[in-house]
N, C-alpha and C. Protein backbone atom coordinates (compact mmCIF):
# COMPACT_ATOMS: atom_id res chain seq x y z
N MET A 1 0.83 -1.21 0.00
CA MET A 1 0.00 0.00 0.00
C MET A 1 0.87 1.26 0.00
N VAL A 2 1.96 1.22 0.78
CA VAL A 2 2.88 2.36 0.83
C VAL A 2 3.52 2.59 -0.52
N PHE A 3 3.95 1.46 -1.16
CA PHE A 3 4.56 1.58 -2.49
C PHE A 3 3.57 2.15 -3.49
N LYS A 4 2.33 1.69 -3.40
CA LYS A 4 1.29 2.15 -4.33
C LYS A 4 1.06 3.64 -4.18
N ASN A 5 0.96 4.12 -2.94
CA ASN A 5 0.74 5.55 -2.70
C ASN A 5 1.92 6.38 -3.18
N GLY A 6 3.13 5.85 -2.97
CA GLY A 6 4.32 6.56 -3.42
C GLY A 6 4.37 6.69 -4.93
N ARG A 7 4.03 5.61 -5.60
CA ARG A 7 4.04 5.62 -7.07
C ARG A 7 2.94 6.52 -7.62
N LYS A 8 1.81 6.54 -6.92
CA LYS A 8 0.73 7.43 -7.33
C LYS A 8 1.15 8.89 -7.18
N THR A 9 1.78 9.21 -6.07
CA THR A 9 2.25 10.58 -5.84
C THR A 9 3.28 10.98 -6.89
N PHE A 10 4.20 10.07 -7.17
CA PHE A 10 5.23 10.35 -8.18
C PHE A 10 4.59 10.55 -9.55
N GLY A 11 3.62 9.70 -9.89
CA GLY A 11 2.94 9.81 -11.19
C GLY A 11 2.23 11.14 -11.35
N ASN A 12 1.52 11.58 -10.31
CA ASN A 12 0.82 12.86 -10.40
C ASN A 12 1.79 14.03 -10.43
N LEU A 13 2.92 13.88 -9.76
CA LEU A 13 3.96 14.92 -9.81
C LEU A 13 4.51 15.05 -11.22
N MET A 14 4.75 13.91 -11.87
CA MET A 14 5.29 13.94 -13.23
C MET A 14 4.28 14.51 -14.21
N LYS A 15 3.00 14.25 -13.98
CA LYS A 15 1.96 14.86 -14.84
C LYS A 15 2.08 16.38 -14.79
N TYR A 16 2.17 16.89 -13.57
CA TYR A 16 2.23 18.35 -13.39
C TYR A 16 3.48 18.93 -14.06
N ILE A 17 4.62 18.30 -13.83
CA ILE A 17 5.88 18.82 -14.38
C ILE A 17 5.86 18.78 -15.90
N LYS A 18 5.41 17.66 -16.47
CA LYS A 18 5.41 17.55 -17.93
C LYS A 18 4.41 18.50 -18.57
N MET A 19 3.28 18.70 -17.92
CA MET A 19 2.33 19.69 -18.43
C MET A 19 2.94 21.08 -18.41
N ALA A 20 3.57 21.41 -17.29
CA ALA A 20 4.12 22.75 -17.11
C ALA A 20 5.19 23.04 -18.16
N VAL A 21 6.14 22.11 -18.32
CA VAL A 21 7.25 22.39 -19.24
C VAL A 21 6.78 22.41 -20.70
N SER A 22 5.85 21.51 -21.06
CA SER A 22 5.42 21.46 -22.47
C SER A 22 4.54 22.65 -22.82
N PHE A 23 3.55 22.97 -21.97
CA PHE A 23 2.66 24.09 -22.26
C PHE A 23 3.41 25.42 -22.22
N ASN A 24 4.27 25.60 -21.22
CA ASN A 24 5.00 26.86 -21.09
C ASN A 24 6.00 27.04 -22.23
N PHE A 25 6.68 25.95 -22.60
CA PHE A 25 7.62 26.03 -23.71
C PHE A 25 6.88 26.38 -25.00
N GLY A 26 5.73 25.71 -25.22
CA GLY A 26 4.94 25.99 -26.42
C GLY A 26 4.45 27.42 -26.46
N GLU A 27 4.03 27.93 -25.30
CA GLU A 27 3.50 29.29 -25.27
C GLU A 27 4.59 30.33 -25.49
N VAL A 28 5.77 30.07 -24.95
CA VAL A 28 6.89 30.99 -25.18
C VAL A 28 7.24 31.05 -26.67
N VAL A 29 7.29 29.89 -27.30
CA VAL A 29 7.57 29.84 -28.74
C VAL A 29 6.50 30.61 -29.51
N SER A 30 5.23 30.42 -29.13
CA SER A 30 4.12 31.10 -29.81
C SER A 30 4.23 32.62 -29.67
N ILE A 31 4.54 33.07 -28.46
CA ILE A 31 4.65 34.51 -28.21
C ILE A 31 5.79 35.12 -29.01
N ILE A 32 6.91 34.41 -29.07
CA ILE A 32 8.07 34.92 -29.82
C ILE A 32 7.73 35.05 -31.30
N ILE A 33 7.15 33.98 -31.86
CA ILE A 33 6.80 33.99 -33.29
C ILE A 33 5.76 35.07 -33.59
N ALA A 34 4.72 35.13 -32.75
CA ALA A 34 3.65 36.11 -32.96
C ALA A 34 4.17 37.54 -32.80
N SER A 35 5.08 37.74 -31.87
CA SER A 35 5.63 39.09 -31.66
C SER A 35 6.43 39.57 -32.86
N VAL A 36 7.02 38.62 -33.57
CA VAL A 36 7.77 38.96 -34.78
C VAL A 36 6.84 39.24 -35.96
N LEU A 37 5.78 38.43 -36.08
CA LEU A 37 4.91 38.51 -37.25
C LEU A 37 3.79 39.54 -37.12
N LEU A 38 3.32 39.76 -35.89
CA LEU A 38 2.20 40.67 -35.68
C LEU A 38 2.69 42.08 -35.35
N PRO A 39 1.90 43.11 -35.67
CA PRO A 39 2.30 44.49 -35.37
C PRO A 39 2.02 44.89 -33.92
N PHE A 40 1.64 43.90 -33.10
CA PHE A 40 1.37 44.18 -31.68
C PHE A 40 1.63 42.90 -30.88
N LEU A 41 1.70 43.04 -29.56
CA LEU A 41 1.90 41.87 -28.70
C LEU A 41 0.62 41.03 -28.67
N PRO A 42 0.74 39.71 -28.80
CA PRO A 42 -0.45 38.86 -28.77
C PRO A 42 -1.08 38.79 -27.39
N GLU A 43 -0.31 39.17 -26.38
CA GLU A 43 -0.80 39.17 -25.01
C GLU A 43 0.10 40.04 -24.16
N THR A 44 -0.48 40.78 -23.24
CA THR A 44 0.32 41.63 -22.36
C THR A 44 0.82 40.81 -21.17
N PRO A 45 1.87 41.26 -20.50
CA PRO A 45 2.39 40.52 -19.35
C PRO A 45 1.34 40.24 -18.28
N ILE A 46 0.49 41.22 -17.96
CA ILE A 46 -0.51 41.01 -16.91
C ILE A 46 -1.57 40.00 -17.36
N GLN A 47 -1.91 40.01 -18.64
CA GLN A 47 -2.87 39.03 -19.16
C GLN A 47 -2.26 37.62 -19.09
N LEU A 48 -1.00 37.51 -19.43
CA LEU A 48 -0.31 36.22 -19.37
C LEU A 48 -0.24 35.71 -17.93
N LEU A 49 -0.02 36.62 -17.00
CA LEU A 49 0.06 36.25 -15.59
C LEU A 49 -1.27 35.72 -15.08
N VAL A 50 -2.36 36.42 -15.40
CA VAL A 50 -3.69 35.98 -14.96
C VAL A 50 -4.06 34.66 -15.62
N GLU A 51 -3.76 34.55 -16.90
CA GLU A 51 -4.03 33.31 -17.64
C GLU A 51 -3.31 32.13 -16.99
N SER A 52 -2.02 32.31 -16.71
CA SER A 52 -1.22 31.25 -16.10
C SER A 52 -1.75 30.88 -14.72
N LEU A 53 -2.18 31.88 -13.97
CA LEU A 53 -2.74 31.64 -12.64
C LEU A 53 -3.99 30.76 -12.72
N LEU A 54 -4.85 31.03 -13.70
CA LEU A 54 -6.09 30.29 -13.81
C LEU A 54 -5.85 28.82 -14.17
N TYR A 55 -5.01 28.56 -15.19
CA TYR A 55 -4.84 27.14 -15.50
C TYR A 55 -3.90 26.43 -14.54
N ASP A 56 -3.07 27.18 -13.82
CA ASP A 56 -2.28 26.56 -12.75
C ASP A 56 -3.17 26.11 -11.60
N LEU A 57 -4.24 26.88 -11.34
CA LEU A 57 -5.20 26.48 -10.31
C LEU A 57 -5.85 25.15 -10.68
N GLY A 58 -6.10 24.96 -11.97
CA GLY A 58 -6.66 23.68 -12.42
C GLY A 58 -5.69 22.54 -12.21
N GLN A 59 -4.42 22.79 -12.48
CA GLN A 59 -3.41 21.75 -12.33
C GLN A 59 -3.12 21.42 -10.87
N LEU A 60 -3.49 22.32 -9.97
CA LEU A 60 -3.27 22.07 -8.55
C LEU A 60 -4.17 20.96 -8.00
N THR A 61 -5.16 20.54 -8.79
CA THR A 61 -6.00 19.41 -8.37
C THR A 61 -5.37 18.07 -8.73
N LEU A 62 -4.28 18.09 -9.47
CA LEU A 62 -3.65 16.84 -9.91
C LEU A 62 -3.16 15.93 -8.78
N PRO A 63 -2.75 16.45 -7.61
CA PRO A 63 -2.38 15.54 -6.53
C PRO A 63 -3.49 14.58 -6.12
N PHE A 64 -4.74 14.94 -6.42
CA PHE A 64 -5.88 14.08 -6.08
C PHE A 64 -6.27 13.15 -7.23
N ASP A 65 -5.56 13.27 -8.35
CA ASP A 65 -5.98 12.57 -9.56
C ASP A 65 -5.79 11.06 -9.45
N ASN A 66 -6.58 10.34 -10.26
CA ASN A 66 -6.40 8.90 -10.38
C ASN A 66 -5.18 8.61 -11.25
N VAL A 67 -4.54 7.49 -10.98
CA VAL A 67 -3.39 7.06 -11.77
C VAL A 67 -3.71 5.69 -12.35
N ASP A 68 -3.40 5.48 -13.61
CA ASP A 68 -3.69 4.21 -14.27
C ASP A 68 -3.02 3.04 -13.55
N LYS A 69 -3.74 1.94 -13.43
CA LYS A 69 -3.24 0.77 -12.70
C LYS A 69 -1.92 0.26 -13.27
N GLU A 70 -1.77 0.32 -14.58
CA GLU A 70 -0.55 -0.17 -15.22
C GLU A 70 0.67 0.62 -14.75
N TYR A 71 0.46 1.92 -14.51
CA TYR A 71 1.57 2.77 -14.09
C TYR A 71 2.07 2.39 -12.70
N LEU A 72 1.18 1.88 -11.87
CA LEU A 72 1.52 1.58 -10.48
C LEU A 72 2.23 0.23 -10.31
N LYS A 73 2.33 -0.55 -11.37
CA LYS A 73 2.91 -1.89 -11.26
C LYS A 73 4.41 -1.89 -11.00
N THR A 74 5.10 -0.90 -11.53
CA THR A 74 6.56 -0.87 -11.38
C THR A 74 7.02 0.50 -10.88
N PRO A 75 8.13 0.55 -10.15
CA PRO A 75 8.65 1.84 -9.67
C PRO A 75 9.20 2.66 -10.83
N LYS A 76 9.15 3.97 -10.69
CA LYS A 76 9.64 4.88 -11.73
C LYS A 76 10.74 5.76 -11.15
N GLN A 77 11.57 6.31 -12.03
CA GLN A 77 12.62 7.23 -11.63
C GLN A 77 12.48 8.55 -12.38
N PHE A 78 12.87 9.62 -11.71
CA PHE A 78 12.87 10.92 -12.37
C PHE A 78 13.99 10.96 -13.40
N ASN A 79 13.62 11.31 -14.63
CA ASN A 79 14.58 11.28 -15.74
C ASN A 79 14.52 12.60 -16.48
N VAL A 80 15.57 13.39 -16.36
CA VAL A 80 15.61 14.71 -17.00
C VAL A 80 15.56 14.58 -18.52
N LYS A 81 16.20 13.57 -19.04
CA LYS A 81 16.21 13.36 -20.49
C LYS A 81 14.80 13.09 -21.00
N SER A 82 14.03 12.30 -20.24
CA SER A 82 12.64 12.02 -20.60
C SER A 82 11.81 13.30 -20.58
N LEU A 83 12.08 14.14 -19.60
CA LEU A 83 11.38 15.42 -19.48
C LEU A 83 11.68 16.32 -20.68
N LEU A 84 12.92 16.32 -21.10
CA LEU A 84 13.34 17.13 -22.25
C LEU A 84 12.68 16.63 -23.53
N HIS A 85 12.65 15.31 -23.69
CA HIS A 85 11.99 14.72 -24.87
C HIS A 85 10.52 15.15 -24.93
N PHE A 86 9.87 15.08 -23.79
CA PHE A 86 8.45 15.42 -23.73
C PHE A 86 8.23 16.90 -24.07
N MET A 87 9.05 17.76 -23.50
CA MET A 87 8.92 19.20 -23.75
C MET A 87 9.11 19.53 -25.22
N LEU A 88 10.13 18.93 -25.84
CA LEU A 88 10.45 19.25 -27.23
C LEU A 88 9.49 18.59 -28.21
N PHE A 89 8.75 17.58 -27.73
CA PHE A 89 7.78 16.91 -28.60
C PHE A 89 6.40 17.55 -28.49
N MET A 90 5.91 17.71 -27.27
CA MET A 90 4.55 18.21 -27.07
C MET A 90 4.48 19.74 -27.09
N GLY A 91 5.56 20.41 -26.70
CA GLY A 91 5.56 21.87 -26.69
C GLY A 91 5.30 22.48 -28.06
N PRO A 92 6.07 22.07 -29.09
CA PRO A 92 5.82 22.59 -30.44
C PRO A 92 4.44 22.25 -30.98
N LEU A 93 3.89 21.09 -30.57
CA LEU A 93 2.53 20.75 -31.00
C LEU A 93 1.53 21.76 -30.46
N SER A 94 1.68 22.11 -29.19
CA SER A 94 0.83 23.13 -28.58
C SER A 94 1.00 24.46 -29.28
N SER A 95 2.24 24.79 -29.59
CA SER A 95 2.55 26.05 -30.27
C SER A 95 1.93 26.09 -31.67
N MET A 96 1.92 24.97 -32.34
CA MET A 96 1.35 24.90 -33.68
C MET A 96 -0.12 25.31 -33.67
N PHE A 97 -0.85 24.87 -32.65
CA PHE A 97 -2.27 25.22 -32.56
C PHE A 97 -2.46 26.67 -32.15
N ASP A 98 -1.53 27.21 -31.37
CA ASP A 98 -1.58 28.65 -31.07
C ASP A 98 -1.47 29.44 -32.37
N LEU A 99 -0.55 29.02 -33.23
CA LEU A 99 -0.33 29.73 -34.49
C LEU A 99 -1.54 29.57 -35.42
N ILE A 100 -2.21 28.43 -35.35
CA ILE A 100 -3.43 28.23 -36.13
C ILE A 100 -4.49 29.24 -35.68
N VAL A 101 -4.59 29.44 -34.36
CA VAL A 101 -5.54 30.42 -33.83
C VAL A 101 -5.18 31.82 -34.31
N PHE A 102 -3.90 32.17 -34.27
CA PHE A 102 -3.46 33.48 -34.77
C PHE A 102 -3.85 33.65 -36.23
N ALA A 103 -3.61 32.62 -37.02
CA ALA A 103 -3.89 32.69 -38.46
C ALA A 103 -5.39 32.85 -38.73
N ILE A 104 -6.21 32.11 -37.99
CA ILE A 104 -7.67 32.22 -38.16
C ILE A 104 -8.13 33.63 -37.82
N MET A 105 -7.63 34.17 -36.71
CA MET A 105 -8.05 35.51 -36.31
C MET A 105 -7.60 36.56 -37.32
N TRP A 106 -6.38 36.41 -37.82
CA TRP A 106 -5.81 37.43 -38.70
C TRP A 106 -6.38 37.35 -40.11
N PHE A 107 -6.44 36.13 -40.66
CA PHE A 107 -6.83 35.97 -42.06
C PHE A 107 -8.34 35.70 -42.23
N ASN A 108 -8.89 34.79 -41.47
CA ASN A 108 -10.31 34.45 -41.64
C ASN A 108 -11.25 35.53 -41.12
N PHE A 109 -10.92 36.04 -39.92
CA PHE A 109 -11.77 37.06 -39.31
C PHE A 109 -11.29 38.48 -39.62
N GLY A 110 -10.09 38.59 -40.19
CA GLY A 110 -9.55 39.92 -40.48
C GLY A 110 -9.44 40.77 -39.22
N LEU A 111 -9.11 40.12 -38.12
CA LEU A 111 -9.12 40.80 -36.83
C LEU A 111 -7.87 41.66 -36.66
N ARG A 112 -8.07 42.97 -36.50
CA ARG A 112 -6.95 43.90 -36.32
C ARG A 112 -7.04 44.65 -34.99
N ASP A 113 -8.16 44.50 -34.32
CA ASP A 113 -8.32 45.16 -33.02
C ASP A 113 -7.47 44.45 -31.98
N VAL A 114 -6.53 45.16 -31.38
CA VAL A 114 -5.56 44.55 -30.47
C VAL A 114 -6.24 43.91 -29.27
N SER A 115 -7.16 44.63 -28.63
CA SER A 115 -7.80 44.12 -27.40
C SER A 115 -8.61 42.86 -27.68
N THR A 116 -9.32 42.84 -28.80
CA THR A 116 -10.12 41.66 -29.14
C THR A 116 -9.21 40.47 -29.44
N PHE A 117 -8.14 40.72 -30.17
CA PHE A 117 -7.18 39.68 -30.52
C PHE A 117 -6.60 39.07 -29.24
N GLN A 118 -6.17 39.92 -28.33
CA GLN A 118 -5.58 39.45 -27.08
C GLN A 118 -6.59 38.70 -26.23
N THR A 119 -7.84 39.14 -26.24
CA THR A 119 -8.88 38.50 -25.45
C THR A 119 -9.18 37.09 -25.95
N VAL A 120 -9.26 36.94 -27.27
CA VAL A 120 -9.51 35.61 -27.85
C VAL A 120 -8.40 34.66 -27.44
N TRP A 121 -7.16 35.12 -27.56
CA TRP A 121 -6.06 34.22 -27.21
C TRP A 121 -6.02 33.92 -25.72
N PHE A 122 -6.36 34.90 -24.91
CA PHE A 122 -6.42 34.71 -23.46
C PHE A 122 -7.38 33.57 -23.11
N SER A 123 -8.61 33.66 -23.60
CA SER A 123 -9.62 32.64 -23.29
C SER A 123 -9.27 31.31 -23.93
N TYR A 124 -8.81 31.35 -25.18
CA TYR A 124 -8.43 30.11 -25.87
C TYR A 124 -7.33 29.38 -25.12
N SER A 125 -6.31 30.11 -24.67
CA SER A 125 -5.17 29.48 -24.00
C SER A 125 -5.58 28.76 -22.74
N ILE A 126 -6.48 29.37 -21.97
CA ILE A 126 -6.95 28.74 -20.73
C ILE A 126 -7.72 27.47 -21.03
N VAL A 127 -8.67 27.55 -21.95
CA VAL A 127 -9.47 26.38 -22.30
C VAL A 127 -8.59 25.29 -22.90
N SER A 128 -7.68 25.66 -23.78
CA SER A 128 -6.81 24.69 -24.44
C SER A 128 -5.92 23.95 -23.45
N ASN A 129 -5.33 24.68 -22.51
CA ASN A 129 -4.45 24.04 -21.53
C ASN A 129 -5.21 23.13 -20.58
N LEU A 130 -6.41 23.53 -20.20
CA LEU A 130 -7.19 22.72 -19.27
C LEU A 130 -7.75 21.47 -19.94
N ILE A 131 -8.07 21.56 -21.23
CA ILE A 131 -8.48 20.37 -21.98
C ILE A 131 -7.26 19.49 -22.25
N GLY A 132 -6.16 20.14 -22.62
CA GLY A 132 -4.92 19.40 -22.88
C GLY A 132 -4.42 18.64 -21.67
N MET A 133 -4.74 19.14 -20.48
CA MET A 133 -4.35 18.47 -19.25
C MET A 133 -4.87 17.04 -19.21
N HIS A 134 -6.05 16.82 -19.77
CA HIS A 134 -6.65 15.49 -19.76
C HIS A 134 -5.96 14.55 -20.76
N ILE A 135 -5.39 15.10 -21.79
CA ILE A 135 -4.62 14.29 -22.75
C ILE A 135 -3.31 13.84 -22.10
N ILE A 136 -2.66 14.73 -21.40
CA ILE A 136 -1.34 14.46 -20.83
C ILE A 136 -1.41 13.60 -19.58
N ARG A 137 -2.49 13.67 -18.82
CA ARG A 137 -2.55 13.01 -17.52
C ARG A 137 -2.56 11.48 -17.60
N THR A 138 -2.78 10.92 -18.77
CA THR A 138 -2.83 9.47 -18.93
C THR A 138 -2.23 9.05 -20.26
N SER A 139 -1.67 7.85 -20.27
CA SER A 139 -1.15 7.31 -21.53
C SER A 139 -2.26 6.70 -22.37
N LYS A 140 -3.44 6.59 -21.77
CA LYS A 140 -4.59 6.01 -22.46
C LYS A 140 -5.43 7.11 -23.12
N ILE A 141 -6.60 6.71 -23.63
CA ILE A 141 -7.54 7.67 -24.20
C ILE A 141 -8.35 8.26 -23.05
N PRO A 142 -8.23 9.56 -22.80
CA PRO A 142 -8.98 10.15 -21.68
C PRO A 142 -10.48 10.09 -21.91
N PHE A 143 -11.22 10.10 -20.81
CA PHE A 143 -12.68 10.07 -20.81
C PHE A 143 -13.26 8.70 -21.16
N LEU A 144 -12.53 7.91 -21.97
CA LEU A 144 -13.02 6.60 -22.39
C LEU A 144 -12.30 5.47 -21.67
N GLN A 145 -10.97 5.48 -21.73
CA GLN A 145 -10.19 4.41 -21.11
C GLN A 145 -9.64 4.79 -19.74
N SER A 146 -9.59 6.08 -19.46
CA SER A 146 -9.04 6.55 -18.18
C SER A 146 -9.79 7.80 -17.74
N ASN A 147 -10.34 7.75 -16.54
CA ASN A 147 -11.08 8.88 -16.00
C ASN A 147 -10.29 9.60 -14.93
N ALA A 148 -10.33 10.91 -14.98
CA ALA A 148 -9.67 11.73 -13.97
C ALA A 148 -10.51 11.74 -12.69
N HIS A 149 -9.91 12.21 -11.62
CA HIS A 149 -10.65 12.39 -10.37
C HIS A 149 -11.69 13.49 -10.58
N LYS A 150 -12.78 13.39 -9.85
CA LYS A 150 -13.87 14.36 -10.02
C LYS A 150 -13.42 15.79 -9.74
N MET A 151 -12.41 15.97 -8.88
CA MET A 151 -11.90 17.31 -8.61
C MET A 151 -11.20 17.89 -9.83
N VAL A 152 -10.52 17.02 -10.60
CA VAL A 152 -9.84 17.46 -11.82
C VAL A 152 -10.88 17.86 -12.87
N TYR A 153 -11.91 17.05 -13.01
CA TYR A 153 -12.99 17.38 -13.95
C TYR A 153 -13.67 18.70 -13.56
N THR A 154 -13.99 18.82 -12.28
CA THR A 154 -14.69 20.01 -11.81
C THR A 154 -13.88 21.28 -12.04
N SER A 155 -12.60 21.22 -11.68
CA SER A 155 -11.74 22.41 -11.85
C SER A 155 -11.56 22.76 -13.32
N SER A 156 -11.46 21.75 -14.18
CA SER A 156 -11.30 22.00 -15.62
C SER A 156 -12.50 22.74 -16.19
N ILE A 157 -13.69 22.27 -15.85
CA ILE A 157 -14.92 22.88 -16.36
C ILE A 157 -15.11 24.28 -15.78
N LEU A 158 -14.92 24.39 -14.46
CA LEU A 158 -15.15 25.66 -13.78
C LEU A 158 -14.17 26.74 -14.26
N LEU A 159 -12.89 26.39 -14.35
CA LEU A 159 -11.88 27.39 -14.73
C LEU A 159 -11.93 27.72 -16.21
N SER A 160 -12.36 26.76 -17.04
CA SER A 160 -12.57 27.06 -18.47
C SER A 160 -13.69 28.09 -18.61
N ALA A 161 -14.74 27.88 -17.84
CA ALA A 161 -15.87 28.82 -17.86
C ALA A 161 -15.42 30.20 -17.38
N ILE A 162 -14.62 30.23 -16.33
CA ILE A 162 -14.11 31.50 -15.81
C ILE A 162 -13.25 32.20 -16.86
N GLY A 163 -12.42 31.40 -17.57
CA GLY A 163 -11.56 31.97 -18.61
C GLY A 163 -12.35 32.63 -19.72
N ILE A 164 -13.54 32.12 -19.99
CA ILE A 164 -14.40 32.70 -21.02
C ILE A 164 -15.17 33.90 -20.48
N ILE A 165 -15.52 33.85 -19.20
CA ILE A 165 -16.34 34.91 -18.59
C ILE A 165 -15.54 36.14 -18.18
N VAL A 166 -14.27 35.94 -17.80
CA VAL A 166 -13.43 37.05 -17.30
C VAL A 166 -13.48 38.30 -18.18
N PRO A 167 -13.39 38.17 -19.52
CA PRO A 167 -13.42 39.38 -20.36
C PRO A 167 -14.67 40.24 -20.19
N TYR A 168 -15.74 39.68 -19.65
CA TYR A 168 -16.99 40.42 -19.48
C TYR A 168 -17.08 41.06 -18.09
N THR A 169 -16.03 40.92 -17.30
CA THR A 169 -16.05 41.40 -15.91
C THR A 169 -15.15 42.63 -15.73
N PHE A 170 -15.22 43.19 -14.53
CA PHE A 170 -14.38 44.32 -14.18
C PHE A 170 -12.90 43.94 -14.22
N LEU A 171 -12.58 42.72 -13.77
CA LEU A 171 -11.19 42.25 -13.80
C LEU A 171 -10.69 42.21 -15.23
N GLY A 172 -11.52 41.71 -16.15
CA GLY A 172 -11.12 41.65 -17.55
C GLY A 172 -10.82 43.03 -18.10
N SER A 173 -11.70 43.98 -17.81
CA SER A 173 -11.49 45.35 -18.26
C SER A 173 -10.21 45.93 -17.66
N LEU A 174 -9.94 45.57 -16.42
CA LEU A 174 -8.77 46.09 -15.72
C LEU A 174 -7.46 45.64 -16.38
N ILE A 175 -7.45 44.44 -16.95
CA ILE A 175 -6.22 43.92 -17.56
C ILE A 175 -6.23 44.04 -19.08
N GLY A 176 -7.19 44.80 -19.60
CA GLY A 176 -7.19 45.11 -21.04
C GLY A 176 -7.98 44.16 -21.91
N LEU A 177 -8.81 43.31 -21.32
CA LEU A 177 -9.65 42.40 -22.10
C LEU A 177 -10.98 43.07 -22.42
N VAL A 178 -11.65 42.57 -23.45
CA VAL A 178 -12.93 43.15 -23.86
C VAL A 178 -13.95 42.04 -24.08
N PRO A 179 -15.24 42.35 -23.94
CA PRO A 179 -16.29 41.35 -24.23
C PRO A 179 -16.20 40.90 -25.69
N LEU A 180 -16.39 39.61 -25.91
CA LEU A 180 -16.25 39.05 -27.25
C LEU A 180 -17.61 38.77 -27.89
N GLU A 181 -17.65 38.87 -29.19
CA GLU A 181 -18.84 38.47 -29.94
C GLU A 181 -18.91 36.94 -29.94
N PRO A 182 -20.12 36.37 -29.99
CA PRO A 182 -20.28 34.91 -29.95
C PRO A 182 -19.50 34.16 -31.03
N LYS A 183 -19.26 34.81 -32.16
CA LYS A 183 -18.58 34.12 -33.27
C LYS A 183 -17.19 33.64 -32.90
N TYR A 184 -16.57 34.27 -31.92
CA TYR A 184 -15.21 33.88 -31.53
C TYR A 184 -15.19 32.64 -30.64
N LEU A 185 -16.34 32.24 -30.12
CA LEU A 185 -16.40 31.06 -29.27
C LEU A 185 -16.04 29.79 -30.05
N GLY A 186 -16.25 29.84 -31.36
CA GLY A 186 -15.87 28.71 -32.20
C GLY A 186 -14.38 28.43 -32.13
N ILE A 187 -13.58 29.49 -32.08
CA ILE A 187 -12.12 29.34 -31.96
C ILE A 187 -11.78 28.85 -30.56
N ILE A 188 -12.35 29.51 -29.57
CA ILE A 188 -12.01 29.24 -28.17
C ILE A 188 -12.34 27.81 -27.77
N LEU A 189 -13.45 27.27 -28.29
CA LEU A 189 -13.88 25.93 -27.93
C LEU A 189 -13.52 24.88 -28.98
N GLY A 190 -13.55 25.28 -30.25
CA GLY A 190 -13.35 24.32 -31.34
C GLY A 190 -11.91 23.88 -31.52
N VAL A 191 -10.99 24.84 -31.50
CA VAL A 191 -9.58 24.50 -31.73
C VAL A 191 -9.02 23.58 -30.64
N PRO A 192 -9.34 23.80 -29.35
CA PRO A 192 -8.87 22.86 -28.33
C PRO A 192 -9.37 21.43 -28.54
N VAL A 193 -10.59 21.28 -29.04
CA VAL A 193 -11.10 19.94 -29.33
C VAL A 193 -10.30 19.31 -30.46
N LEU A 194 -10.00 20.09 -31.48
CA LEU A 194 -9.17 19.60 -32.58
C LEU A 194 -7.78 19.22 -32.07
N TYR A 195 -7.25 20.04 -31.16
CA TYR A 195 -5.94 19.73 -30.55
C TYR A 195 -5.96 18.36 -29.87
N CYS A 196 -7.06 18.05 -29.19
CA CYS A 196 -7.18 16.78 -28.48
C CYS A 196 -7.01 15.59 -29.43
N PHE A 197 -7.67 15.64 -30.57
CA PHE A 197 -7.59 14.54 -31.53
C PHE A 197 -6.18 14.40 -32.10
N VAL A 198 -5.58 15.52 -32.42
CA VAL A 198 -4.21 15.48 -32.96
C VAL A 198 -3.23 15.02 -31.88
N ALA A 199 -3.43 15.49 -30.65
CA ALA A 199 -2.55 15.12 -29.54
C ALA A 199 -2.64 13.63 -29.23
N LEU A 200 -3.81 13.04 -29.40
CA LEU A 200 -3.96 11.60 -29.19
C LEU A 200 -3.13 10.82 -30.20
N PHE A 201 -3.12 11.29 -31.44
CA PHE A 201 -2.30 10.67 -32.46
C PHE A 201 -0.82 10.87 -32.16
N ALA A 202 -0.46 12.08 -31.71
CA ALA A 202 0.92 12.37 -31.35
C ALA A 202 1.37 11.51 -30.17
N LYS A 203 0.45 11.25 -29.25
CA LYS A 203 0.76 10.42 -28.09
C LYS A 203 1.19 9.01 -28.52
N LYS A 204 0.49 8.47 -29.50
CA LYS A 204 0.84 7.14 -30.01
C LYS A 204 2.24 7.12 -30.59
N ILE A 205 2.57 8.18 -31.34
CA ILE A 205 3.91 8.27 -31.93
C ILE A 205 4.97 8.38 -30.84
N TYR A 206 4.70 9.20 -29.85
CA TYR A 206 5.65 9.41 -28.76
C TYR A 206 5.89 8.12 -27.99
N LYS A 207 4.82 7.41 -27.66
CA LYS A 207 4.95 6.17 -26.90
C LYS A 207 5.71 5.10 -27.69
N LYS A 208 5.49 5.09 -29.00
CA LYS A 208 6.19 4.12 -29.85
C LYS A 208 7.67 4.46 -29.94
N LYS A 209 7.99 5.75 -29.98
CA LYS A 209 9.37 6.19 -30.13
C LYS A 209 10.16 6.08 -28.82
N PHE A 210 9.54 6.48 -27.71
CA PHE A 210 10.26 6.56 -26.44
C PHE A 210 9.85 5.48 -25.43
N GLY A 211 8.81 4.74 -25.73
CA GLY A 211 8.41 3.62 -24.89
C GLY A 211 7.81 4.03 -23.56
N GLU A 212 7.33 5.26 -23.45
CA GLU A 212 6.73 5.75 -22.20
C GLU A 212 5.83 6.93 -22.51
N TRP A 213 5.15 7.41 -21.49
CA TRP A 213 4.38 8.64 -21.60
C TRP A 213 4.65 9.51 -20.39
N ILE A 214 4.06 9.14 -19.25
CA ILE A 214 4.34 9.83 -18.01
C ILE A 214 5.45 9.12 -17.25
């Protein structure tokens, strides 16, 4: 029982670390590329700080998360090389979808208003990271083959909703966000779902190449 609890704790710790390094690395790459290509910053420092705070709150429920039975069968070791592989594999994938969002806003919607552009990415990033958390938390297919703890589900839904609602509040106005037209919800909700399907395929490639996930 002690070994099982230790392995569960280690597994949930690795989920958090791998999520943090891959999402943060991907977002840094996205910001750098967007800052070069766009005539304005895709997000201000204070917006990035609030965004990070919201999805970090979601990840703080991971210590309570369920761990797949297969993972608990053998002891694991912390491996920096494995962490680097994960960051360099999943980070750019996350960044690719950020750039897709930028392209849709710029070319499809012809969006040139800075505040609206930043607001869409703010809400999208929160929803995307919280949905992506469910892809990373298990080597299996989430929702079907592996279920998260109810606290993880609750925080994901609640904080995603908050990420969408914040622009309509005083706090949103305070940090430069603006209320969005309903048409932008397609980006905020649709692209993260598309990311999930692509990430599941990427997960298979990663597991085949490196023989592990978490």
